[in-house]
Amino acid sequence: METKKNPKADLQKWSSTLFNLGLAISIGLCLFAFEWKSYSDSPIKEINKESEIWDIPDIPNTFQTPPPPAIQIPPIIQEQPNEIKIDPTLISIDINTTEETKIPEIIISDDPPIIDKADEIMDFTEVQASFKGGMEAWYEYLRNKLKYPFQARRMGVEGVVLIRFVVNKDGSVQDVEVVRSLGGGCDQVAQQVVENSPEWNPGKMGGRPVRSRMVIPIRFKLN
């Protein structure tokens, strides 16, 4: 047997109507609450107080007098004697020459001028240049002369600086430059140590000393 629903027991019949009615009532209550005004029953207080008058003193105008102008001292002019003594060895001029005196002619040679060529710097040599005393002496020199820069120590900078320089025939050092930089002041310290280093043993080609170029690493490491 099929069950039939009573139309009077339908709950969804008045749902929309009741929802709209409740919405209208809530909006009306909100508008009424916003428009509600309350008045105090206490009387309004009247303040009858005389305004205070401040006495402003009269400040006189002050005038600053400019400082007096600086006294200009005229320059002192010292008179120099007219007779100036000239060293006769500097200028060799014969004042007693006459028209009959023969002046020798200056002969200019036709030969080409002599051009002094600097010795070639060798990048590769048969015998490489070395520090006098060997590498142990070089390391000892670095331990005594190389000072860790304060800025690099504070920043914790560690690494290797590559220095390139030229060893001359007499063992002297020149043209010192930084090839790979490290920063923190290490480059300047390493370059200065190499520039002030003692003489080296020059490189040799065919048993003869030549100018050679070298690149050495200088390591900075914190203990």
N, C-alpha and C. Protein backbone atom coordinates (compact mmCIF):
# COMPACT_ATOMS: atom_id res chain seq x y z
N MET A 1 0.87 -1.18 0.00
CA MET A 1 0.00 0.00 0.00
C MET A 1 0.90 1.22 0.00
N GLU A 2 0.65 2.11 -0.94
CA GLU A 2 1.50 3.33 -1.08
C GLU A 2 1.08 4.35 -0.05
N THR A 3 2.10 4.90 0.65
CA THR A 3 1.83 5.94 1.67
C THR A 3 1.68 7.27 0.98
N LYS A 4 0.74 8.04 1.42
CA LYS A 4 0.49 9.38 0.87
C LYS A 4 0.75 10.42 1.95
N LYS A 5 1.43 11.51 1.50
CA LYS A 5 1.79 12.59 2.42
C LYS A 5 0.67 13.61 2.48
N ASN A 6 0.35 14.05 3.70
CA ASN A 6 -0.69 15.05 3.90
C ASN A 6 -0.15 16.41 3.47
N PRO A 7 -0.83 17.12 2.58
CA PRO A 7 -0.33 18.46 2.16
C PRO A 7 -0.23 19.43 3.31
N LYS A 8 -1.00 19.29 4.35
CA LYS A 8 -0.94 20.22 5.48
C LYS A 8 0.30 19.99 6.34
N ALA A 9 0.92 18.82 6.22
CA ALA A 9 2.11 18.52 7.02
C ALA A 9 3.41 18.87 6.30
N ASP A 10 3.35 19.56 5.20
CA ASP A 10 4.55 19.95 4.44
C ASP A 10 5.25 21.09 5.16
N LEU A 11 6.49 20.89 5.64
CA LEU A 11 7.25 21.93 6.36
C LEU A 11 7.90 22.93 5.43
N GLN A 12 8.14 22.62 4.16
CA GLN A 12 8.80 23.51 3.22
C GLN A 12 7.85 24.51 2.59
N LYS A 13 6.60 24.45 2.94
CA LYS A 13 5.62 25.32 2.29
C LYS A 13 5.80 26.77 2.70
N TRP A 14 6.03 27.02 4.01
CA TRP A 14 6.16 28.39 4.52
C TRP A 14 7.61 28.78 4.81
N SER A 15 8.57 28.02 4.32
CA SER A 15 9.98 28.32 4.66
C SER A 15 10.46 29.64 4.05
N SER A 16 10.17 29.85 2.80
CA SER A 16 10.61 31.10 2.16
C SER A 16 9.92 32.31 2.74
N THR A 17 8.65 32.16 3.05
CA THR A 17 7.91 33.30 3.62
C THR A 17 8.45 33.66 4.99
N LEU A 18 8.66 32.63 5.82
CA LEU A 18 9.18 32.90 7.17
C LEU A 18 10.62 33.45 7.11
N PHE A 19 11.42 32.99 6.14
CA PHE A 19 12.79 33.51 6.01
C PHE A 19 12.80 35.00 5.65
N ASN A 20 11.95 35.38 4.69
CA ASN A 20 11.86 36.79 4.30
C ASN A 20 11.33 37.65 5.44
N LEU A 21 10.37 37.11 6.19
CA LEU A 21 9.83 37.87 7.32
C LEU A 21 10.89 38.07 8.39
N GLY A 22 11.64 37.05 8.70
CA GLY A 22 12.70 37.19 9.71
C GLY A 22 13.79 38.15 9.26
N LEU A 23 14.13 38.10 7.96
CA LEU A 23 15.14 39.01 7.44
C LEU A 23 14.69 40.45 7.52
N ALA A 24 13.40 40.71 7.21
CA ALA A 24 12.88 42.08 7.29
C ALA A 24 12.87 42.57 8.71
N ILE A 25 12.49 41.69 9.65
CA ILE A 25 12.45 42.11 11.07
C ILE A 25 13.86 42.42 11.57
N SER A 26 14.86 41.60 11.23
CA SER A 26 16.24 41.85 11.69
C SER A 26 16.80 43.14 11.11
N ILE A 27 16.52 43.41 9.83
CA ILE A 27 17.01 44.67 9.23
C ILE A 27 16.34 45.86 9.90
N GLY A 28 15.02 45.73 10.20
CA GLY A 28 14.33 46.82 10.87
C GLY A 28 14.88 47.07 12.25
N LEU A 29 15.22 46.02 12.98
CA LEU A 29 15.81 46.20 14.32
C LEU A 29 17.19 46.87 14.23
N CYS A 30 17.98 46.51 13.22
CA CYS A 30 19.31 47.14 13.07
C CYS A 30 19.18 48.63 12.76
N LEU A 31 18.25 48.99 11.85
CA LEU A 31 18.05 50.42 11.54
C LEU A 31 17.54 51.18 12.74
N PHE A 32 16.65 50.57 13.52
CA PHE A 32 16.13 51.21 14.71
C PHE A 32 17.24 51.43 15.75
N ALA A 33 18.16 50.45 15.85
CA ALA A 33 19.24 50.60 16.82
C ALA A 33 20.20 51.70 16.41
N PHE A 34 20.45 51.83 15.07
CA PHE A 34 21.36 52.90 14.62
C PHE A 34 20.73 54.28 14.78
N GLU A 35 19.43 54.38 14.64
CA GLU A 35 18.76 55.67 14.72
C GLU A 35 18.36 56.05 16.14
N TRP A 36 18.59 55.18 17.10
CA TRP A 36 18.20 55.45 18.48
C TRP A 36 19.07 56.55 19.07
N LYS A 37 18.50 57.52 19.70
CA LYS A 37 19.20 58.63 20.31
C LYS A 37 18.85 58.65 21.79
N SER A 38 19.88 58.83 22.59
CA SER A 38 19.68 58.93 24.04
C SER A 38 20.11 60.31 24.51
N TYR A 39 19.33 60.88 25.43
CA TYR A 39 19.60 62.21 25.95
C TYR A 39 19.84 62.12 27.44
N SER A 40 20.79 62.90 27.92
CA SER A 40 21.12 62.91 29.35
C SER A 40 20.15 63.82 30.09
N ASP A 41 19.78 63.43 31.32
CA ASP A 41 18.89 64.23 32.13
C ASP A 41 19.60 65.29 32.93
N SER A 42 20.91 65.25 33.01
CA SER A 42 21.66 66.23 33.80
C SER A 42 21.71 67.56 33.07
N PRO A 43 21.69 68.66 33.83
CA PRO A 43 21.72 69.99 33.18
C PRO A 43 23.09 70.26 32.55
N ILE A 44 23.09 71.13 31.59
CA ILE A 44 24.32 71.50 30.89
C ILE A 44 25.12 72.44 31.77
N LYS A 45 26.39 72.12 31.93
CA LYS A 45 27.24 72.95 32.76
C LYS A 45 27.73 74.15 31.96
N GLU A 46 27.75 75.28 32.61
CA GLU A 46 28.25 76.50 31.99
C GLU A 46 29.59 76.85 32.61
N ILE A 47 30.54 77.06 31.77
CA ILE A 47 31.90 77.41 32.23
C ILE A 47 32.11 78.89 31.98
N ASN A 48 32.15 79.61 33.04
CA ASN A 48 32.39 81.06 32.97
C ASN A 48 33.75 81.34 33.58
N LYS A 49 34.77 81.18 32.77
CA LYS A 49 36.14 81.38 33.25
C LYS A 49 36.82 82.41 32.37
N GLU A 50 37.38 83.36 33.03
CA GLU A 50 38.07 84.40 32.28
C GLU A 50 39.34 83.83 31.66
N SER A 51 39.53 84.20 30.45
CA SER A 51 40.73 83.73 29.75
C SER A 51 41.98 84.35 30.35
N GLU A 52 42.98 83.53 30.48
CA GLU A 52 44.23 84.02 31.04
C GLU A 52 44.98 84.85 30.00
N ILE A 53 45.57 85.91 30.46
CA ILE A 53 46.32 86.81 29.59
C ILE A 53 47.79 86.64 29.90
N TRP A 54 48.53 86.30 28.87
CA TRP A 54 49.97 86.12 29.06
C TRP A 54 50.69 87.43 28.80
N ASP A 55 51.60 87.74 29.68
CA ASP A 55 52.41 88.94 29.53
C ASP A 55 53.63 88.59 28.69
N ILE A 56 53.66 89.08 27.47
CA ILE A 56 54.78 88.83 26.57
C ILE A 56 55.77 89.98 26.70
N PRO A 57 56.99 89.67 27.17
CA PRO A 57 57.95 90.77 27.34
C PRO A 57 58.44 91.28 25.99
N ASP A 58 58.79 92.54 25.99
CA ASP A 58 59.34 93.16 24.78
C ASP A 58 60.82 92.81 24.67
N ILE A 59 61.17 92.16 23.55
CA ILE A 59 62.56 91.77 23.31
C ILE A 59 63.19 92.82 22.42
N PRO A 60 64.21 93.50 22.89
CA PRO A 60 64.83 94.53 22.05
C PRO A 60 65.58 93.90 20.87
N ASN A 61 65.64 94.61 19.78
CA ASN A 61 66.38 94.17 18.60
C ASN A 61 67.89 94.23 18.87
N THR A 62 68.55 93.17 18.52
CA THR A 62 70.00 93.13 18.70
C THR A 62 70.68 93.24 17.34
N PHE A 63 71.73 93.99 17.31
CA PHE A 63 72.51 94.19 16.08
C PHE A 63 73.93 93.72 16.33
N GLN A 64 74.40 92.83 15.46
CA GLN A 64 75.75 92.32 15.57
C GLN A 64 76.67 93.15 14.68
N THR A 65 77.66 93.68 15.32
CA THR A 65 78.63 94.48 14.57
C THR A 65 79.58 93.57 13.83
N PRO A 66 79.86 93.81 12.56
CA PRO A 66 80.79 92.95 11.81
C PRO A 66 82.20 93.09 12.36
N PRO A 67 83.00 92.03 12.25
CA PRO A 67 84.38 92.10 12.74
C PRO A 67 85.18 93.08 11.90
N PRO A 68 86.18 93.66 12.50
CA PRO A 68 87.00 94.62 11.75
C PRO A 68 87.74 93.91 10.62
N PRO A 69 87.98 94.57 9.53
CA PRO A 69 88.70 93.94 8.42
C PRO A 69 90.13 93.58 8.80
N ALA A 70 90.61 92.49 8.20
CA ALA A 70 91.97 92.04 8.50
C ALA A 70 92.98 93.04 7.97
N ILE A 71 94.03 93.18 8.73
CA ILE A 71 95.09 94.12 8.35
C ILE A 71 95.94 93.47 7.27
N GLN A 72 96.00 94.08 6.13
CA GLN A 72 96.79 93.57 5.02
C GLN A 72 98.22 94.09 5.12
N ILE A 73 99.13 93.13 5.25
CA ILE A 73 100.54 93.49 5.35
C ILE A 73 101.13 93.48 3.96
N PRO A 74 101.71 94.55 3.52
CA PRO A 74 102.30 94.58 2.17
C PRO A 74 103.50 93.64 2.10
N PRO A 75 103.69 93.00 0.95
CA PRO A 75 104.85 92.10 0.82
C PRO A 75 106.16 92.86 0.91
N ILE A 76 107.13 92.17 1.47
CA ILE A 76 108.46 92.76 1.62
C ILE A 76 109.26 92.49 0.36
N ILE A 77 109.68 93.50 -0.28
CA ILE A 77 110.45 93.41 -1.52
C ILE A 77 111.93 93.58 -1.17
N GLN A 78 112.69 92.55 -1.44
CA GLN A 78 114.12 92.61 -1.19
C GLN A 78 114.86 92.87 -2.50
N GLU A 79 115.68 93.81 -2.45
CA GLU A 79 116.45 94.17 -3.64
C GLU A 79 117.63 93.22 -3.80
N GLN A 80 117.75 92.67 -4.99
CA GLN A 80 118.84 91.76 -5.30
C GLN A 80 119.95 92.51 -6.03
N PRO A 81 121.16 92.10 -5.78
CA PRO A 81 122.26 92.79 -6.48
C PRO A 81 122.24 92.50 -7.98
N ASN A 82 122.67 93.45 -8.75
CA ASN A 82 122.69 93.29 -10.19
C ASN A 82 123.80 92.37 -10.66
N GLU A 83 124.87 92.31 -9.92
CA GLU A 83 126.00 91.49 -10.32
C GLU A 83 125.74 90.06 -9.83
N ILE A 84 125.48 89.17 -10.76
CA ILE A 84 125.25 87.77 -10.46
C ILE A 84 126.48 86.99 -10.89
N LYS A 85 127.02 86.23 -9.98
CA LYS A 85 128.20 85.45 -10.28
C LYS A 85 127.80 84.15 -10.97
N ILE A 86 128.37 83.89 -12.12
CA ILE A 86 128.09 82.69 -12.89
C ILE A 86 129.32 81.80 -12.86
N ASP A 87 129.06 80.54 -12.64
CA ASP A 87 130.17 79.58 -12.61
C ASP A 87 130.76 79.48 -14.02
N PRO A 88 131.99 79.83 -14.20
CA PRO A 88 132.57 79.79 -15.57
C PRO A 88 132.69 78.38 -16.13
N THR A 89 132.67 77.37 -15.27
CA THR A 89 132.81 76.01 -15.78
C THR A 89 131.54 75.53 -16.49
N LEU A 90 130.39 76.19 -16.23
CA LEU A 90 129.16 75.75 -16.85
C LEU A 90 129.06 76.21 -18.30
N ILE A 91 129.54 77.39 -18.59
CA ILE A 91 129.45 77.95 -19.94
C ILE A 91 130.87 78.24 -20.43
N SER A 92 131.20 77.65 -21.54
CA SER A 92 132.53 77.87 -22.12
C SER A 92 132.37 78.72 -23.37
N ILE A 93 132.47 80.01 -23.20
CA ILE A 93 132.36 80.96 -24.32
C ILE A 93 133.61 81.85 -24.32
N ASP A 94 134.20 81.90 -25.43
CA ASP A 94 135.39 82.76 -25.57
C ASP A 94 134.92 84.15 -25.96
N ILE A 95 135.03 85.07 -25.04
CA ILE A 95 134.55 86.43 -25.29
C ILE A 95 135.52 87.20 -26.20
N ASN A 96 136.77 86.82 -26.20
CA ASN A 96 137.80 87.56 -26.94
C ASN A 96 137.91 87.11 -28.39
N THR A 97 136.87 86.50 -28.94
CA THR A 97 136.94 86.09 -30.35
C THR A 97 136.81 87.31 -31.26
N THR A 98 137.43 87.20 -32.43
CA THR A 98 137.37 88.27 -33.43
C THR A 98 136.78 87.71 -34.71
N GLU A 99 136.67 88.56 -35.71
CA GLU A 99 136.12 88.12 -36.98
C GLU A 99 137.06 87.16 -37.70
N GLU A 100 138.35 87.24 -37.42
CA GLU A 100 139.31 86.37 -38.09
C GLU A 100 139.42 85.01 -37.41
N THR A 101 138.80 84.84 -36.26
CA THR A 101 138.90 83.56 -35.55
C THR A 101 138.09 82.51 -36.29
N LYS A 102 138.71 81.37 -36.52
CA LYS A 102 138.05 80.28 -37.22
C LYS A 102 137.34 79.38 -36.21
N ILE A 103 136.08 79.17 -36.50
CA ILE A 103 135.28 78.31 -35.63
C ILE A 103 135.23 76.92 -36.27
N PRO A 104 135.61 75.90 -35.54
CA PRO A 104 135.62 74.55 -36.15
C PRO A 104 134.20 74.10 -36.47
N GLU A 105 134.12 73.38 -37.60
CA GLU A 105 132.83 72.87 -38.02
C GLU A 105 132.47 71.60 -37.25
N ILE A 106 131.17 71.45 -37.00
CA ILE A 106 130.67 70.25 -36.31
C ILE A 106 130.29 69.23 -37.36
N ILE A 107 130.95 68.11 -37.32
CA ILE A 107 130.73 67.06 -38.29
C ILE A 107 129.69 66.08 -37.72
N ILE A 108 128.61 65.89 -38.45
CA ILE A 108 127.55 64.97 -38.05
C ILE A 108 127.74 63.67 -38.80
N SER A 109 127.86 62.60 -38.10
CA SER A 109 128.10 61.30 -38.72
C SER A 109 126.83 60.80 -39.40
N ASP A 110 127.02 60.12 -40.51
CA ASP A 110 125.89 59.54 -41.23
C ASP A 110 125.49 58.16 -40.71
N ASP A 111 126.25 57.64 -39.76
CA ASP A 111 125.94 56.32 -39.24
C ASP A 111 124.62 56.36 -38.47
N PRO A 112 123.85 55.28 -38.53
CA PRO A 112 122.59 55.26 -37.77
C PRO A 112 122.85 55.32 -36.28
N PRO A 113 121.93 55.90 -35.53
CA PRO A 113 122.14 56.00 -34.08
C PRO A 113 122.13 54.62 -33.44
N ILE A 114 122.87 54.53 -32.37
CA ILE A 114 122.96 53.26 -31.65
C ILE A 114 121.75 53.16 -30.71
N ILE A 115 120.99 52.12 -30.87
CA ILE A 115 119.79 51.91 -30.04
C ILE A 115 120.10 50.80 -29.05
N ASP A 116 120.02 51.15 -27.78
CA ASP A 116 120.27 50.16 -26.74
C ASP A 116 118.99 49.35 -26.53
N LYS A 117 119.10 48.08 -26.76
CA LYS A 117 117.97 47.19 -26.57
C LYS A 117 118.06 46.53 -25.20
N ALA A 118 116.95 46.51 -24.52
CA ALA A 118 116.92 45.85 -23.23
C ALA A 118 116.98 44.35 -23.41
N ASP A 119 117.57 43.70 -22.43
CA ASP A 119 117.68 42.25 -22.50
C ASP A 119 116.29 41.62 -22.52
N GLU A 120 116.14 40.59 -23.30
CA GLU A 120 114.86 39.90 -23.42
C GLU A 120 114.54 39.15 -22.13
N ILE A 121 113.29 39.20 -21.77
CA ILE A 121 112.83 38.49 -20.57
C ILE A 121 112.34 37.12 -21.01
N MET A 122 112.93 36.10 -20.47
CA MET A 122 112.62 34.73 -20.85
C MET A 122 111.56 34.16 -19.91
N ASP A 123 110.52 33.58 -20.51
CA ASP A 123 109.51 32.89 -19.70
C ASP A 123 109.93 31.47 -19.34
N PHE A 124 110.75 30.85 -20.20
CA PHE A 124 111.23 29.50 -19.95
C PHE A 124 112.75 29.50 -20.11
N THR A 125 113.44 28.96 -19.14
CA THR A 125 114.90 28.89 -19.14
C THR A 125 115.35 27.47 -18.87
N GLU A 126 116.61 27.20 -19.27
CA GLU A 126 117.15 25.87 -19.00
C GLU A 126 117.34 25.65 -17.50
N VAL A 127 117.86 26.67 -16.84
CA VAL A 127 118.01 26.61 -15.37
C VAL A 127 117.12 27.71 -14.80
N GLN A 128 116.14 27.32 -14.04
CA GLN A 128 115.18 28.28 -13.52
C GLN A 128 115.79 29.09 -12.39
N ALA A 129 115.39 30.36 -12.31
CA ALA A 129 115.86 31.21 -11.22
C ALA A 129 115.36 30.65 -9.89
N SER A 130 116.19 30.81 -8.84
CA SER A 130 115.85 30.26 -7.53
C SER A 130 116.32 31.20 -6.44
N PHE A 131 115.69 31.09 -5.30
CA PHE A 131 116.07 31.91 -4.15
C PHE A 131 117.38 31.37 -3.58
N LYS A 132 118.25 32.28 -3.17
CA LYS A 132 119.54 31.85 -2.63
C LYS A 132 119.32 31.13 -1.31
N GLY A 133 119.78 29.90 -1.25
CA GLY A 133 119.57 29.07 -0.07
C GLY A 133 118.49 28.03 -0.27
N GLY A 134 117.79 28.08 -1.40
CA GLY A 134 116.77 27.09 -1.68
C GLY A 134 115.41 27.48 -1.14
N MET A 135 114.44 26.58 -1.30
CA MET A 135 113.07 26.85 -0.89
C MET A 135 112.93 26.94 0.62
N GLU A 136 113.77 26.20 1.36
CA GLU A 136 113.71 26.30 2.82
C GLU A 136 114.07 27.71 3.27
N ALA A 137 115.08 28.29 2.64
CA ALA A 137 115.44 29.68 2.98
C ALA A 137 114.33 30.64 2.58
N TRP A 138 113.64 30.36 1.45
CA TRP A 138 112.53 31.22 1.03
C TRP A 138 111.37 31.14 2.01
N TYR A 139 111.05 29.94 2.49
CA TYR A 139 109.97 29.79 3.47
C TYR A 139 110.34 30.44 4.79
N GLU A 140 111.59 30.35 5.16
CA GLU A 140 112.04 31.01 6.39
C GLU A 140 111.94 32.53 6.26
N TYR A 141 112.27 33.03 5.08
CA TYR A 141 112.14 34.48 4.84
C TYR A 141 110.68 34.92 4.93
N LEU A 142 109.76 34.11 4.38
CA LEU A 142 108.34 34.46 4.45
C LEU A 142 107.83 34.41 5.88
N ARG A 143 108.28 33.43 6.66
CA ARG A 143 107.83 33.34 8.06
C ARG A 143 108.29 34.55 8.86
N ASN A 144 109.43 35.09 8.53
CA ASN A 144 109.95 36.24 9.30
C ASN A 144 109.39 37.56 8.82
N LYS A 145 109.12 37.70 7.53
CA LYS A 145 108.74 39.00 6.97
C LYS A 145 107.24 39.12 6.66
N LEU A 146 106.57 38.00 6.42
CA LEU A 146 105.16 38.06 6.01
C LEU A 146 104.29 38.23 7.24
N LYS A 147 103.51 39.30 7.26
CA LYS A 147 102.61 39.59 8.37
C LYS A 147 101.17 39.52 7.88
N TYR A 148 100.36 38.79 8.62
CA TYR A 148 98.95 38.62 8.25
C TYR A 148 98.22 39.94 8.45
N PRO A 149 97.56 40.50 7.43
CA PRO A 149 96.86 41.77 7.60
C PRO A 149 95.74 41.65 8.63
N PHE A 150 95.57 42.72 9.40
CA PHE A 150 94.55 42.71 10.45
C PHE A 150 93.15 42.60 9.86
N GLN A 151 92.91 43.28 8.74
CA GLN A 151 91.58 43.23 8.12
C GLN A 151 91.26 41.83 7.63
N ALA A 152 92.25 41.16 7.02
CA ALA A 152 92.01 39.79 6.53
C ALA A 152 91.80 38.83 7.69
N ARG A 153 92.53 39.02 8.80
CA ARG A 153 92.36 38.15 9.96
C ARG A 153 90.98 38.34 10.57
N ARG A 154 90.51 39.59 10.61
CA ARG A 154 89.19 39.85 11.19
C ARG A 154 88.08 39.29 10.31
N MET A 155 88.25 39.33 8.98
CA MET A 155 87.24 38.83 8.06
C MET A 155 87.37 37.33 7.82
N GLY A 156 88.43 36.71 8.34
CA GLY A 156 88.63 35.28 8.13
C GLY A 156 89.02 34.93 6.71
N VAL A 157 89.80 35.81 6.05
CA VAL A 157 90.20 35.59 4.66
C VAL A 157 91.40 34.65 4.64
N GLU A 158 91.30 33.58 3.88
CA GLU A 158 92.38 32.64 3.68
C GLU A 158 92.48 32.33 2.18
N GLY A 159 93.69 31.98 1.74
CA GLY A 159 93.84 31.63 0.34
C GLY A 159 95.26 31.86 -0.14
N VAL A 160 95.41 31.90 -1.46
CA VAL A 160 96.72 32.02 -2.11
C VAL A 160 96.73 33.24 -3.00
N VAL A 161 97.82 34.01 -2.93
CA VAL A 161 98.07 35.15 -3.81
C VAL A 161 99.19 34.77 -4.77
N LEU A 162 98.94 34.91 -6.07
CA LEU A 162 99.96 34.62 -7.08
C LEU A 162 100.68 35.91 -7.44
N ILE A 163 102.01 35.89 -7.32
CA ILE A 163 102.85 37.06 -7.59
C ILE A 163 103.74 36.73 -8.78
N ARG A 164 103.77 37.64 -9.76
CA ARG A 164 104.65 37.50 -10.92
C ARG A 164 105.70 38.59 -10.87
N PHE A 165 106.95 38.23 -11.14
CA PHE A 165 108.03 39.22 -11.08
C PHE A 165 109.14 38.78 -12.04
N VAL A 166 110.12 39.66 -12.22
CA VAL A 166 111.25 39.43 -13.12
C VAL A 166 112.52 39.39 -12.30
N VAL A 167 113.33 38.36 -12.53
CA VAL A 167 114.64 38.23 -11.90
C VAL A 167 115.70 38.65 -12.92
N ASN A 168 116.45 39.70 -12.62
CA ASN A 168 117.46 40.21 -13.54
C ASN A 168 118.72 39.34 -13.52
N LYS A 169 119.68 39.71 -14.36
CA LYS A 169 120.92 38.94 -14.45
C LYS A 169 121.71 38.99 -13.15
N ASP A 170 121.62 40.15 -12.44
CA ASP A 170 122.36 40.27 -11.19
C ASP A 170 121.59 39.70 -9.99
N GLY A 171 120.41 39.13 -10.22
CA GLY A 171 119.64 38.54 -9.13
C GLY A 171 118.65 39.48 -8.48
N SER A 172 118.60 40.74 -8.91
CA SER A 172 117.63 41.68 -8.34
C SER A 172 116.24 41.40 -8.88
N VAL A 173 115.23 41.90 -8.17
CA VAL A 173 113.82 41.65 -8.50
C VAL A 173 113.18 42.95 -8.95
N GLN A 174 112.37 42.89 -10.00
CA GLN A 174 111.65 44.07 -10.46
C GLN A 174 110.34 43.63 -11.12
N ASP A 175 109.51 44.64 -11.46
CA ASP A 175 108.22 44.42 -12.12
C ASP A 175 107.36 43.42 -11.35
N VAL A 176 107.21 43.66 -10.04
CA VAL A 176 106.41 42.77 -9.21
C VAL A 176 104.94 43.15 -9.37
N GLU A 177 104.08 42.18 -9.67
CA GLU A 177 102.66 42.43 -9.85
C GLU A 177 101.86 41.23 -9.34
N VAL A 178 100.58 41.51 -9.01
CA VAL A 178 99.68 40.49 -8.50
C VAL A 178 98.93 39.88 -9.68
N VAL A 179 99.03 38.55 -9.83
CA VAL A 179 98.33 37.85 -10.89
C VAL A 179 96.94 37.41 -10.43
N ARG A 180 96.86 36.83 -9.24
CA ARG A 180 95.57 36.43 -8.67
C ARG A 180 95.42 37.06 -7.31
N SER A 181 94.34 37.83 -7.15
CA SER A 181 94.13 38.61 -5.93
C SER A 181 93.36 37.80 -4.91
N LEU A 182 93.53 38.18 -3.63
CA LEU A 182 92.83 37.54 -2.52
C LEU A 182 92.00 38.53 -1.74
N GLY A 183 92.44 39.78 -1.64
CA GLY A 183 91.70 40.81 -0.91
C GLY A 183 92.06 40.84 0.56
N GLY A 184 91.46 41.81 1.24
CA GLY A 184 91.70 41.96 2.67
C GLY A 184 93.07 42.49 3.02
N GLY A 185 93.78 43.11 2.05
CA GLY A 185 95.13 43.61 2.29
C GLY A 185 96.22 42.59 2.05
N CYS A 186 95.87 41.34 1.70
CA CYS A 186 96.88 40.31 1.48
C CYS A 186 97.70 40.58 0.22
N ASP A 187 97.08 41.17 -0.81
CA ASP A 187 97.80 41.43 -2.07
C ASP A 187 98.95 42.39 -1.85
N GLN A 188 98.69 43.49 -1.12
CA GLN A 188 99.74 44.48 -0.90
C GLN A 188 100.88 43.91 -0.06
N VAL A 189 100.53 43.11 0.96
CA VAL A 189 101.57 42.54 1.81
C VAL A 189 102.45 41.57 1.03
N ALA A 190 101.82 40.71 0.21
CA ALA A 190 102.59 39.75 -0.57
C ALA A 190 103.49 40.46 -1.59
N GLN A 191 102.96 41.48 -2.25
CA GLN A 191 103.77 42.21 -3.24
C GLN A 191 104.95 42.92 -2.58
N GLN A 192 104.73 43.49 -1.41
CA GLN A 192 105.81 44.19 -0.71
C GLN A 192 106.90 43.22 -0.25
N VAL A 193 106.50 42.03 0.18
CA VAL A 193 107.48 41.04 0.63
C VAL A 193 108.38 40.62 -0.53
N VAL A 194 107.80 40.42 -1.71
CA VAL A 194 108.61 40.01 -2.86
C VAL A 194 109.51 41.16 -3.32
N GLU A 195 109.01 42.38 -3.29
CA GLU A 195 109.83 43.52 -3.72
C GLU A 195 111.04 43.71 -2.81
N ASN A 196 110.91 43.43 -1.52
CA ASN A 196 112.00 43.62 -0.56
C ASN A 196 112.82 42.35 -0.34
N SER A 197 112.60 41.33 -1.16
CA SER A 197 113.32 40.07 -0.96
C SER A 197 114.79 40.23 -1.34
N PRO A 198 115.68 39.43 -0.74
CA PRO A 198 117.10 39.48 -1.14
C PRO A 198 117.30 39.01 -2.57
N GLU A 199 118.55 39.05 -3.03
CA GLU A 199 118.85 38.69 -4.41
C GLU A 199 118.62 37.20 -4.64
N TRP A 200 118.23 36.90 -5.88
CA TRP A 200 117.97 35.53 -6.29
C TRP A 200 119.13 35.03 -7.16
N ASN A 201 119.15 33.75 -7.39
CA ASN A 201 120.04 33.19 -8.39
C ASN A 201 119.36 33.32 -9.75
N PRO A 202 119.96 34.03 -10.72
CA PRO A 202 119.27 34.26 -12.00
C PRO A 202 119.14 32.98 -12.81
N GLY A 203 118.15 32.98 -13.70
CA GLY A 203 118.00 31.86 -14.62
C GLY A 203 119.10 31.85 -15.66
N LYS A 204 119.33 30.69 -16.26
CA LYS A 204 120.43 30.56 -17.21
C LYS A 204 119.96 29.88 -18.48
N MET A 205 120.52 30.38 -19.60
CA MET A 205 120.32 29.78 -20.91
C MET A 205 121.68 29.57 -21.55
N GLY A 206 122.02 28.33 -21.84
CA GLY A 206 123.33 28.04 -22.40
C GLY A 206 124.45 28.34 -21.43
N GLY A 207 124.19 28.25 -20.14
CA GLY A 207 125.21 28.52 -19.13
C GLY A 207 125.41 29.98 -18.82
N ARG A 208 124.65 30.89 -19.44
CA ARG A 208 124.79 32.33 -19.21
C ARG A 208 123.55 32.85 -18.49
N PRO A 209 123.71 33.78 -17.54
CA PRO A 209 122.54 34.31 -16.84
C PRO A 209 121.69 35.19 -17.75
N VAL A 210 120.40 35.06 -17.64
CA VAL A 210 119.45 35.83 -18.44
C VAL A 210 118.37 36.37 -17.51
N ARG A 211 117.60 37.32 -18.04
CA ARG A 211 116.44 37.83 -17.30
C ARG A 211 115.27 36.86 -17.52
N SER A 212 114.64 36.47 -16.44
CA SER A 212 113.56 35.49 -16.51
C SER A 212 112.38 35.95 -15.67
N ARG A 213 111.21 35.48 -16.06
CA ARG A 213 109.97 35.83 -15.36
C ARG A 213 109.52 34.62 -14.53
N MET A 214 109.09 34.91 -13.31
CA MET A 214 108.66 33.85 -12.40
C MET A 214 107.29 34.18 -11.81
N VAL A 215 106.57 33.13 -11.43
CA VAL A 215 105.29 33.25 -10.74
C VAL A 215 105.35 32.33 -9.53
N ILE A 216 105.15 32.90 -8.34
CA ILE A 216 105.20 32.11 -7.12
C ILE A 216 103.90 32.31 -6.33
N PRO A 217 103.45 31.28 -5.61
CA PRO A 217 102.27 31.43 -4.76
C PRO A 217 102.68 31.78 -3.33
N ILE A 218 101.91 32.64 -2.71
CA ILE A 218 102.10 32.97 -1.30
C ILE A 218 100.78 32.69 -0.59
N ARG A 219 100.82 31.75 0.35
CA ARG A 219 99.61 31.28 1.02
C ARG A 219 99.41 32.03 2.34
N PHE A 220 98.15 32.42 2.57
CA PHE A 220 97.74 33.03 3.83
C PHE A 220 96.76 32.06 4.50
N LYS A 221 97.11 31.61 5.70
CA LYS A 221 96.27 30.65 6.41
C LYS A 221 96.26 31.01 7.88
N LEU A 222 95.04 31.07 8.46
CA LEU A 222 94.89 31.38 9.86
C LEU A 222 95.19 30.16 10.70
N ASN A 223 95.88 30.39 11.84
CA ASN A 223 96.16 29.28 12.75
C ASN A 223 94.89 28.93 13.52
